[in-house]
């Protein structure tokens, strides 16, 4: 049974103390069964052009936050299993950019590979405690709207247009 619970946006919380005080302490009393780590920060530019702040933000959003939130909720999930034999789920979002090296997105790609390995390893470690861990690799599409496309950085041309993707996948307009 899935019940609607409040969603939280934790984009500005980067330290362990921030995450614990800003998130976990506010919800630890709830019987939460699903944790969705959907943090994403990407910059499409050559690595040498990334600022130190951008590198830090990608690591913080895409790796650190996912790891710390998982760690914070782990004991609650284990306790649910021990007391009630009720399973819990951790969902970590990754990206299609994690399946191969991506010029101009290599820093982002590397952080999402981290998420993949963390997810796979935890899936094995936590199974005995009734905790399922799954990863979702999403892929991006360029918008068809000409005005939106004009605003996109030239590096995003590595991403297929929606119409081409649908054509290649055999999807019709009515599907």
C-alpha atoms as a PDB file:
ATOM      1  CA  UNK A   1       0.000   0.000   0.000  1.00  0.00           C
ATOM      2  CA  UNK A   2       1.361   3.389  -0.973  1.00  0.00           C
ATOM      3  CA  UNK A   3       0.259   6.459   0.947  1.00  0.00           C
ATOM      4  CA  UNK A   4       0.949  10.031  -0.047  1.00  0.00           C
ATOM      5  CA  UNK A   5       3.550  11.639   2.190  1.00  0.00           C
ATOM      6  CA  UNK A   6       5.098  15.069   1.887  1.00  0.00           C
ATOM      7  CA  UNK A   7       7.972  15.393  -0.559  1.00  0.00           C
ATOM      8  CA  UNK A   8      11.064  17.322   0.442  1.00  0.00           C
ATOM      9  CA  UNK A   9      13.505  19.233  -1.739  1.00  0.00           C
ATOM     10  CA  UNK A  10      16.960  19.029  -0.222  1.00  0.00           C
ATOM     11  CA  UNK A  11      18.942  20.758  -2.937  1.00  0.00           C
ATOM     12  CA  UNK A  12      20.726  23.218  -0.659  1.00  0.00           C
ATOM     13  CA  UNK A  13      21.754  20.822   2.123  1.00  0.00           C
ATOM     14  CA  UNK A  14      25.319  19.608   1.669  1.00  0.00           C
ATOM     15  CA  UNK A  15      26.772  18.668   5.042  1.00  0.00           C
ATOM     16  CA  UNK A  16      25.989  15.613   7.143  1.00  0.00           C
ATOM     17  CA  UNK A  17      24.694  17.892   9.902  1.00  0.00           C
ATOM     18  CA  UNK A  18      22.456  19.780   7.436  1.00  0.00           C
ATOM     19  CA  UNK A  19      21.006  16.556   6.097  1.00  0.00           C
ATOM     20  CA  UNK A  20      20.379  15.123   9.538  1.00  0.00           C
ATOM     21  CA  UNK A  21      18.875  18.289  11.001  1.00  0.00           C
ATOM     22  CA  UNK A  22      17.145  19.520   7.852  1.00  0.00           C
ATOM     23  CA  UNK A  23      15.650  16.229   6.707  1.00  0.00           C
ATOM     24  CA  UNK A  24      16.065  13.143   8.784  1.00  0.00           C
ATOM     25  CA  UNK A  25      15.209  14.626  12.191  1.00  0.00           C
ATOM     26  CA  UNK A  26      11.956  16.005  10.730  1.00  0.00           C
ATOM     27  CA  UNK A  27      10.741  12.665   9.359  1.00  0.00           C
ATOM     28  CA  UNK A  28      12.428   9.961  11.456  1.00  0.00           C
ATOM     29  CA  UNK A  29       9.259   9.477  13.533  1.00  0.00           C
ATOM     30  CA  UNK A  30       7.268   8.532  10.403  1.00  0.00           C
ATOM     31  CA  UNK A  31       7.011   4.943   9.188  1.00  0.00           C
ATOM     32  CA  UNK A  32       8.735   5.639   5.880  1.00  0.00           C
ATOM     33  CA  UNK A  33       9.189   2.644   3.609  1.00  0.00           C
ATOM     34  CA  UNK A  34      10.547   4.234   0.421  1.00  0.00           C
ATOM     35  CA  UNK A  35      13.514   6.564   0.011  1.00  0.00           C
ATOM     36  CA  UNK A  36      13.926   8.086  -3.450  1.00  0.00           C
ATOM     37  CA  UNK A  37      17.315   9.693  -4.043  1.00  0.00           C
ATOM     38  CA  UNK A  38      16.681  11.791  -7.145  1.00  0.00           C
ATOM     39  CA  UNK A  39      19.414  14.405  -6.847  1.00  0.00           C
ATOM     40  CA  UNK A  40      20.760  15.668 -10.163  1.00  0.00           C
ATOM     41  CA  UNK A  41      23.207  18.424 -11.005  1.00  0.00           C
ATOM     42  CA  UNK A  42      25.002  18.539 -14.351  1.00  0.00           C
ATOM     43  CA  UNK A  43      27.074  20.970 -16.385  1.00  0.00           C
ATOM     44  CA  UNK A  44      27.625  20.314 -20.099  1.00  0.00           C
ATOM     45  CA  UNK A  45      31.046  21.811 -20.822  1.00  0.00           C
ATOM     46  CA  UNK A  46      34.668  20.736 -21.162  1.00  0.00           C
ATOM     47  CA  UNK A  47      36.144  19.528 -17.867  1.00  0.00           C
ATOM     48  CA  UNK A  48      38.792  22.263 -17.856  1.00  0.00           C
ATOM     49  CA  UNK A  49      36.036  24.915 -17.976  1.00  0.00           C
ATOM     50  CA  UNK A  50      34.249  23.611 -14.873  1.00  0.00           C
ATOM     51  CA  UNK A  51      34.777  25.800 -11.838  1.00  0.00           C
ATOM     52  CA  UNK A  52      35.801  24.213  -8.543  1.00  0.00           C
ATOM     53  CA  UNK A  53      32.362  25.154  -7.248  1.00  0.00           C
ATOM     54  CA  UNK A  54      30.647  23.293 -10.108  1.00  0.00           C
ATOM     55  CA  UNK A  55      32.789  20.201  -9.492  1.00  0.00           C
ATOM     56  CA  UNK A  56      31.930  20.356  -5.790  1.00  0.00           C
ATOM     57  CA  UNK A  57      28.217  20.809  -6.498  1.00  0.00           C
ATOM     58  CA  UNK A  58      28.124  17.805  -8.835  1.00  0.00           C
ATOM     59  CA  UNK A  59      29.854  15.643  -6.244  1.00  0.00           C
ATOM     60  CA  UNK A  60      27.632  16.964  -3.441  1.00  0.00           C
ATOM     61  CA  UNK A  61      24.300  16.594  -5.254  1.00  0.00           C
ATOM     62  CA  UNK A  62      24.976  13.396  -7.162  1.00  0.00           C
ATOM     63  CA  UNK A  63      27.115  11.394  -4.686  1.00  0.00           C
ATOM     64  CA  UNK A  64      27.341  12.803  -1.188  1.00  0.00           C
ATOM     65  CA  UNK A  65      23.631  13.537  -0.653  1.00  0.00           C
ATOM     66  CA  UNK A  66      22.594  10.103  -1.951  1.00  0.00           C
ATOM     67  CA  UNK A  67      25.101   8.357   0.305  1.00  0.00           C
ATOM     68  CA  UNK A  68      24.263  10.309   3.453  1.00  0.00           C
ATOM     69  CA  UNK A  69      20.488  10.050   3.069  1.00  0.00           C
ATOM     70  CA  UNK A  70      20.778   6.308   2.512  1.00  0.00           C
ATOM     71  CA  UNK A  71      22.951   6.007   5.614  1.00  0.00           C
ATOM     72  CA  UNK A  72      20.556   8.082   7.734  1.00  0.00           C
ATOM     73  CA  UNK A  73      17.463   6.032   6.808  1.00  0.00           C
ATOM     74  CA  UNK A  74      19.165   2.637   6.960  1.00  0.00           C
ATOM     75  CA  UNK A  75      18.600   1.948  10.666  1.00  0.00           C
ATOM     76  CA  UNK A  76      14.885   2.809  10.381  1.00  0.00           C
ATOM     77  CA  UNK A  77      14.500   0.431   7.455  1.00  0.00           C
ATOM     78  CA  UNK A  78      16.338  -2.353   9.279  1.00  0.00           C
ATOM     79  CA  UNK A  79      14.167  -1.801  12.373  1.00  0.00           C
ATOM     80  CA  UNK A  80      10.963  -2.031  10.266  1.00  0.00           C
ATOM     81  CA  UNK A  81      12.099  -5.421   8.997  1.00  0.00           C
ATOM     82  CA  UNK A  82      13.165  -6.693  12.420  1.00  0.00           C
ATOM     83  CA  UNK A  83       9.939  -5.615  14.157  1.00  0.00           C
ATOM     84  CA  UNK A  84       7.264  -6.103  11.493  1.00  0.00           C
ATOM     85  CA  UNK A  85       8.863  -8.005   8.589  1.00  0.00           C
ATOM     86  CA  UNK A  86       7.849  -5.113   6.339  1.00  0.00           C
ATOM     87  CA  UNK A  87      10.163  -4.484   3.394  1.00  0.00           C
ATOM     88  CA  UNK A  88      11.628  -1.085   2.527  1.00  0.00           C
ATOM     89  CA  UNK A  89      12.864   0.301  -0.778  1.00  0.00           C
ATOM     90  CA  UNK A  90      15.706   2.632  -1.691  1.00  0.00           C
ATOM     91  CA  UNK A  91      15.524   4.044  -5.228  1.00  0.00           C
ATOM     92  CA  UNK A  92      18.593   5.815  -6.591  1.00  0.00           C
ATOM     93  CA  UNK A  93      18.323   7.662  -9.878  1.00  0.00           C
ATOM     94  CA  UNK A  94      21.273   7.537 -12.198  1.00  0.00           C
ATOM     95  CA  UNK A  95      21.548   8.556 -15.835  1.00  0.00           C
ATOM     96  CA  UNK A  96      22.140   7.168 -19.273  1.00  0.00           C
ATOM     97  CA  UNK A  97      25.371   9.158 -19.128  1.00  0.00           C
ATOM     98  CA  UNK A  98      26.695   6.513 -16.722  1.00  0.00           C
ATOM     99  CA  UNK A  99      26.845   3.726 -19.303  1.00  0.00           C
ATOM    100  CA  UNK A 100      29.727   5.148 -21.365  1.00  0.00           C
ATOM    101  CA  UNK A 101      32.192   8.052 -21.281  1.00  0.00           C
ATOM    102  CA  UNK A 102      30.431  11.267 -22.258  1.00  0.00           C
ATOM    103  CA  UNK A 103      32.464  14.174 -23.647  1.00  0.00           C
ATOM    104  CA  UNK A 104      31.387  17.452 -22.014  1.00  0.00           C
ATOM    105  CA  UNK A 105      29.449  15.493 -19.376  1.00  0.00           C
ATOM    106  CA  UNK A 106      32.280  13.366 -17.991  1.00  0.00           C
ATOM    107  CA  UNK A 107      32.106  14.755 -14.443  1.00  0.00           C
ATOM    108  CA  UNK A 108      28.349  14.165 -14.335  1.00  0.00           C
ATOM    109  CA  UNK A 109      28.828  10.740 -15.914  1.00  0.00           C
ATOM    110  CA  UNK A 110      31.411   9.790 -13.283  1.00  0.00           C
ATOM    111  CA  UNK A 111      29.138  10.807 -10.402  1.00  0.00           C
ATOM    112  CA  UNK A 112      26.314   8.704 -11.795  1.00  0.00           C
ATOM    113  CA  UNK A 113      28.630   5.687 -12.139  1.00  0.00           C
ATOM    114  CA  UNK A 114      29.250   6.120  -8.406  1.00  0.00           C
ATOM    115  CA  UNK A 115      25.474   5.910  -7.839  1.00  0.00           C
ATOM    116  CA  UNK A 116      25.273   2.755  -9.954  1.00  0.00           C
ATOM    117  CA  UNK A 117      27.969   0.968  -7.951  1.00  0.00           C
ATOM    118  CA  UNK A 118      26.589   2.158  -4.622  1.00  0.00           C
ATOM    119  CA  UNK A 119      23.137   0.899  -5.619  1.00  0.00           C
ATOM    120  CA  UNK A 120      24.339  -2.496  -6.838  1.00  0.00           C
ATOM    121  CA  UNK A 121      26.536  -3.111  -3.801  1.00  0.00           C
ATOM    122  CA  UNK A 122      23.887  -2.063  -1.299  1.00  0.00           C
ATOM    123  CA  UNK A 123      21.352  -4.276  -3.055  1.00  0.00           C
ATOM    124  CA  UNK A 124      23.416  -7.315  -2.077  1.00  0.00           C
ATOM    125  CA  UNK A 125      24.311  -6.083   1.422  1.00  0.00           C
ATOM    126  CA  UNK A 126      20.817  -5.061   2.485  1.00  0.00           C
ATOM    127  CA  UNK A 127      18.673  -7.853   1.021  1.00  0.00           C
ATOM    128  CA  UNK A 128      18.843  -9.901   4.225  1.00  0.00           C
ATOM    129  CA  UNK A 129      17.335  -6.955   6.135  1.00  0.00           C
ATOM    130  CA  UNK A 130      14.260  -6.702   3.891  1.00  0.00           C
ATOM    131  CA  UNK A 131      15.609  -3.664   2.082  1.00  0.00           C
ATOM    132  CA  UNK A 132      15.391  -3.627  -1.703  1.00  0.00           C
ATOM    133  CA  UNK A 133      17.685  -1.240  -3.549  1.00  0.00           C
ATOM    134  CA  UNK A 134      17.054  -0.332  -7.167  1.00  0.00           C
ATOM    135  CA  UNK A 135      18.537   2.082  -9.639  1.00  0.00           C
ATOM    136  CA  UNK A 136      16.869   3.932 -12.471  1.00  0.00           C
ATOM    137  CA  UNK A 137      18.933   5.156 -15.423  1.00  0.00           C
ATOM    138  CA  UNK A 138      17.085   7.965 -17.150  1.00  0.00           C
ATOM    139  CA  UNK A 139      17.979   9.294 -20.577  1.00  0.00           C
ATOM    140  CA  UNK A 140      17.463  12.855 -21.753  1.00  0.00           C
ATOM    141  CA  UNK A 141      15.825  14.074 -24.935  1.00  0.00           C
ATOM    142  CA  UNK A 142      16.118  17.462 -26.609  1.00  0.00           C
ATOM    143  CA  UNK A 143      12.852  19.399 -26.866  1.00  0.00           C
ATOM    144  CA  UNK A 144      11.220  19.780 -30.271  1.00  0.00           C
ATOM    145  CA  UNK A 145      10.303  23.405 -29.595  1.00  0.00           C
ATOM    146  CA  UNK A 146      12.568  25.584 -31.746  1.00  0.00           C
ATOM    147  CA  UNK A 147      12.785  28.383 -29.163  1.00  0.00           C
ATOM    148  CA  UNK A 148      13.845  25.953 -26.423  1.00  0.00           C
ATOM    149  CA  UNK A 149      16.314  24.255 -28.774  1.00  0.00           C
ATOM    150  CA  UNK A 150      17.878  27.613 -29.680  1.00  0.00           C
ATOM    151  CA  UNK A 151      18.612  28.189 -25.987  1.00  0.00           C
ATOM    152  CA  UNK A 152      20.389  24.870 -25.507  1.00  0.00           C
ATOM    153  CA  UNK A 153      24.169  24.750 -25.286  1.00  0.00           C
ATOM    154  CA  UNK A 154      25.770  23.221 -28.394  1.00  0.00           C
ATOM    155  CA  UNK A 155      27.170  20.368 -26.261  1.00  0.00           C
ATOM    156  CA  UNK A 156      23.649  19.017 -25.702  1.00  0.00           C
ATOM    157  CA  UNK A 157      23.526  18.024 -29.345  1.00  0.00           C
ATOM    158  CA  UNK A 158      24.826  14.678 -28.106  1.00  0.00           C
ATOM    159  CA  UNK A 159      21.284  14.119 -26.844  1.00  0.00           C
ATOM    160  CA  UNK A 160      18.777  12.906 -29.485  1.00  0.00           C
ATOM    161  CA  UNK A 161      15.675  14.853 -30.374  1.00  0.00           C
ATOM    162  CA  UNK A 162      12.438  13.370 -29.088  1.00  0.00           C
ATOM    163  CA  UNK A 163      11.043  12.753 -32.605  1.00  0.00           C
ATOM    164  CA  UNK A 164      14.184  10.868 -33.710  1.00  0.00           C
ATOM    165  CA  UNK A 165      14.129   8.775 -30.541  1.00  0.00           C
ATOM    166  CA  UNK A 166      10.465   7.883 -31.100  1.00  0.00           C
ATOM    167  CA  UNK A 167      11.155   7.042 -34.749  1.00  0.00           C
ATOM    168  CA  UNK A 168      14.083   4.781 -33.853  1.00  0.00           C
ATOM    169  CA  UNK A 169      12.095   3.087 -31.096  1.00  0.00           C
ATOM    170  CA  UNK A 170       9.039   2.600 -33.324  1.00  0.00           C
ATOM    171  CA  UNK A 171       6.784   4.790 -31.189  1.00  0.00           C
ATOM    172  CA  UNK A 172       3.883   6.443 -32.984  1.00  0.00           C
ATOM    173  CA  UNK A 173       2.481   9.853 -32.118  1.00  0.00           C
ATOM    174  CA  UNK A 174      -0.638   8.317 -30.558  1.00  0.00           C
ATOM    175  CA  UNK A 175       1.224   6.052 -28.122  1.00  0.00           C
END
